[in-house]
């Protein structure tokens, strides 16, 4: 099965790009793979949290919660774009990755 991957960045032309990809997928009977990488800065923690785990640092735990939120928001944006297109009979995959930018902690 053919696959067409589209990198979505939610700029002005994201809808047109996705629409074009959907057309190609329908024409070539291909799967549509949407990829979005969201860059989030590592958040600074002023005071230590009262979380205890021997395997993860407190800042890693908090960053993981932020990343889950970012992934969900990104997925919602991609799904919202797809709602406006005729995607019938298409197999669609949505891949979201958070690229954490580590600026260190205070």
C-alpha atoms as a PDB file:
ATOM      1  CA  UNK A   1       0.000   0.000   0.000  1.00  0.00           C
ATOM      2  CA  UNK A   2       1.263   3.461  -0.885  1.00  0.00           C
ATOM      3  CA  UNK A   3       1.576   6.096   1.823  1.00  0.00           C
ATOM      4  CA  UNK A   4       1.725   9.845   1.472  1.00  0.00           C
ATOM      5  CA  UNK A   5       3.150  11.775   4.429  1.00  0.00           C
ATOM      6  CA  UNK A   6       2.330  15.424   5.009  1.00  0.00           C
ATOM      7  CA  UNK A   7       4.132  17.639   7.507  1.00  0.00           C
ATOM      8  CA  UNK A   8       1.613  20.027   9.056  1.00  0.00           C
ATOM      9  CA  UNK A   9       2.798  23.219  10.742  1.00  0.00           C
ATOM     10  CA  UNK A  10      -0.563  25.064  10.910  1.00  0.00           C
ATOM     11  CA  UNK A  11       0.702  28.038   8.917  1.00  0.00           C
ATOM     12  CA  UNK A  12      -1.552  29.771   6.380  1.00  0.00           C
ATOM     13  CA  UNK A  13      -1.181  27.118   3.682  1.00  0.00           C
ATOM     14  CA  UNK A  14      -1.745  24.047   5.914  1.00  0.00           C
ATOM     15  CA  UNK A  15      -5.326  23.556   4.712  1.00  0.00           C
ATOM     16  CA  UNK A  16      -4.365  23.787   1.020  1.00  0.00           C
ATOM     17  CA  UNK A  17      -1.440  21.411   1.533  1.00  0.00           C
ATOM     18  CA  UNK A  18      -3.616  18.870   3.308  1.00  0.00           C
ATOM     19  CA  UNK A  19      -6.324  19.209   0.662  1.00  0.00           C
ATOM     20  CA  UNK A  20      -3.757  18.494  -2.066  1.00  0.00           C
ATOM     21  CA  UNK A  21      -2.460  15.465  -0.152  1.00  0.00           C
ATOM     22  CA  UNK A  22      -6.006  14.098   0.240  1.00  0.00           C
ATOM     23  CA  UNK A  23      -6.516  14.457  -3.533  1.00  0.00           C
ATOM     24  CA  UNK A  24      -3.335  12.523  -4.249  1.00  0.00           C
ATOM     25  CA  UNK A  25      -4.295   9.819  -1.744  1.00  0.00           C
ATOM     26  CA  UNK A  26      -7.664   9.366  -3.412  1.00  0.00           C
ATOM     27  CA  UNK A  27      -6.101   9.357  -6.887  1.00  0.00           C
ATOM     28  CA  UNK A  28      -3.416   6.773  -6.020  1.00  0.00           C
ATOM     29  CA  UNK A  29      -5.410   4.856  -3.382  1.00  0.00           C
ATOM     30  CA  UNK A  30      -2.771   5.694  -0.795  1.00  0.00           C
ATOM     31  CA  UNK A  31      -2.849   6.078   2.974  1.00  0.00           C
ATOM     32  CA  UNK A  32      -2.506   9.573   4.397  1.00  0.00           C
ATOM     33  CA  UNK A  33       0.047  10.077   7.158  1.00  0.00           C
ATOM     34  CA  UNK A  34      -0.078  13.465   8.904  1.00  0.00           C
ATOM     35  CA  UNK A  35       3.005  14.456  10.836  1.00  0.00           C
ATOM     36  CA  UNK A  36       3.268  17.421  13.180  1.00  0.00           C
ATOM     37  CA  UNK A  37       6.230  18.276  15.389  1.00  0.00           C
ATOM     38  CA  UNK A  38       5.451  20.804  18.087  1.00  0.00           C
ATOM     39  CA  UNK A  39       8.339  22.552  19.800  1.00  0.00           C
ATOM     40  CA  UNK A  40       7.771  23.306  23.430  1.00  0.00           C
ATOM     41  CA  UNK A  41      10.300  24.873  25.709  1.00  0.00           C
ATOM     42  CA  UNK A  42      11.186  23.031  28.858  1.00  0.00           C
ATOM     43  CA  UNK A  43       9.461  24.867  31.649  1.00  0.00           C
ATOM     44  CA  UNK A  44      11.319  26.390  34.544  1.00  0.00           C
ATOM     45  CA  UNK A  45      10.387  25.245  38.020  1.00  0.00           C
ATOM     46  CA  UNK A  46      10.861  27.907  40.662  1.00  0.00           C
ATOM     47  CA  UNK A  47      10.242  25.659  43.661  1.00  0.00           C
ATOM     48  CA  UNK A  48      10.698  21.909  43.955  1.00  0.00           C
ATOM     49  CA  UNK A  49       7.500  19.918  43.650  1.00  0.00           C
ATOM     50  CA  UNK A  50       6.435  17.442  46.289  1.00  0.00           C
ATOM     51  CA  UNK A  51       6.455  14.499  43.872  1.00  0.00           C
ATOM     52  CA  UNK A  52       8.459  11.452  44.764  1.00  0.00           C
ATOM     53  CA  UNK A  53       9.632   8.798  42.382  1.00  0.00           C
ATOM     54  CA  UNK A  54      13.006   7.113  42.247  1.00  0.00           C
ATOM     55  CA  UNK A  55      13.079   6.997  38.446  1.00  0.00           C
ATOM     56  CA  UNK A  56      12.045  10.438  37.239  1.00  0.00           C
ATOM     57  CA  UNK A  57      13.073  13.873  38.321  1.00  0.00           C
ATOM     58  CA  UNK A  58      10.347  16.314  39.289  1.00  0.00           C
ATOM     59  CA  UNK A  59      10.983  18.457  36.217  1.00  0.00           C
ATOM     60  CA  UNK A  60      10.707  15.377  33.954  1.00  0.00           C
ATOM     61  CA  UNK A  61       7.330  14.523  35.467  1.00  0.00           C
ATOM     62  CA  UNK A  62       6.036  18.051  34.959  1.00  0.00           C
ATOM     63  CA  UNK A  63       7.450  18.224  31.413  1.00  0.00           C
ATOM     64  CA  UNK A  64       5.722  14.935  30.573  1.00  0.00           C
ATOM     65  CA  UNK A  65       2.374  16.416  31.647  1.00  0.00           C
ATOM     66  CA  UNK A  66       2.998  19.504  29.487  1.00  0.00           C
ATOM     67  CA  UNK A  67       4.002  17.331  26.512  1.00  0.00           C
ATOM     68  CA  UNK A  68       0.810  15.231  26.797  1.00  0.00           C
ATOM     69  CA  UNK A  69      -1.240  18.428  26.693  1.00  0.00           C
ATOM     70  CA  UNK A  70       0.692  19.709  23.652  1.00  0.00           C
ATOM     71  CA  UNK A  71       0.218  16.388  21.830  1.00  0.00           C
ATOM     72  CA  UNK A  72      -3.532  16.422  22.475  1.00  0.00           C
ATOM     73  CA  UNK A  73      -3.859  20.030  21.295  1.00  0.00           C
ATOM     74  CA  UNK A  74      -1.855  19.271  18.132  1.00  0.00           C
ATOM     75  CA  UNK A  75      -3.975  16.196  17.399  1.00  0.00           C
ATOM     76  CA  UNK A  76      -7.140  18.272  17.812  1.00  0.00           C
ATOM     77  CA  UNK A  77      -5.821  20.869  15.332  1.00  0.00           C
ATOM     78  CA  UNK A  78      -5.025  18.214  12.695  1.00  0.00           C
ATOM     79  CA  UNK A  79      -8.417  16.558  13.161  1.00  0.00           C
ATOM     80  CA  UNK A  80     -10.105  19.952  12.826  1.00  0.00           C
ATOM     81  CA  UNK A  81      -8.339  20.552   9.492  1.00  0.00           C
ATOM     82  CA  UNK A  82      -9.395  17.102   8.264  1.00  0.00           C
ATOM     83  CA  UNK A  83     -13.068  17.738   9.142  1.00  0.00           C
ATOM     84  CA  UNK A  84     -13.276  20.251   6.315  1.00  0.00           C
ATOM     85  CA  UNK A  85     -12.041  17.811   3.664  1.00  0.00           C
ATOM     86  CA  UNK A  86     -13.639  14.849   1.932  1.00  0.00           C
ATOM     87  CA  UNK A  87     -11.578  12.059   3.465  1.00  0.00           C
ATOM     88  CA  UNK A  88     -14.046   9.265   2.818  1.00  0.00           C
ATOM     89  CA  UNK A  89     -12.478   5.896   2.081  1.00  0.00           C
ATOM     90  CA  UNK A  90      -9.045   7.085   3.238  1.00  0.00           C
ATOM     91  CA  UNK A  91      -6.938   5.469   5.909  1.00  0.00           C
ATOM     92  CA  UNK A  92      -5.508   8.391   7.896  1.00  0.00           C
ATOM     93  CA  UNK A  93      -2.751   8.312  10.493  1.00  0.00           C
ATOM     94  CA  UNK A  94      -1.903  11.274  12.704  1.00  0.00           C
ATOM     95  CA  UNK A  95       1.580  11.403  14.240  1.00  0.00           C
ATOM     96  CA  UNK A  96       2.440  14.076  16.778  1.00  0.00           C
ATOM     97  CA  UNK A  97       5.867  14.504  18.310  1.00  0.00           C
ATOM     98  CA  UNK A  98       6.947  17.046  20.866  1.00  0.00           C
ATOM     99  CA  UNK A  99      10.469  18.289  20.394  1.00  0.00           C
ATOM    100  CA  UNK A 100      11.381  19.632  23.813  1.00  0.00           C
ATOM    101  CA  UNK A 101      13.871  22.466  23.805  1.00  0.00           C
ATOM    102  CA  UNK A 102      15.879  22.253  26.998  1.00  0.00           C
ATOM    103  CA  UNK A 103      16.906  25.697  28.223  1.00  0.00           C
ATOM    104  CA  UNK A 104      17.826  24.353  31.624  1.00  0.00           C
ATOM    105  CA  UNK A 105      16.161  24.911  34.946  1.00  0.00           C
ATOM    106  CA  UNK A 106      16.414  27.862  37.302  1.00  0.00           C
END
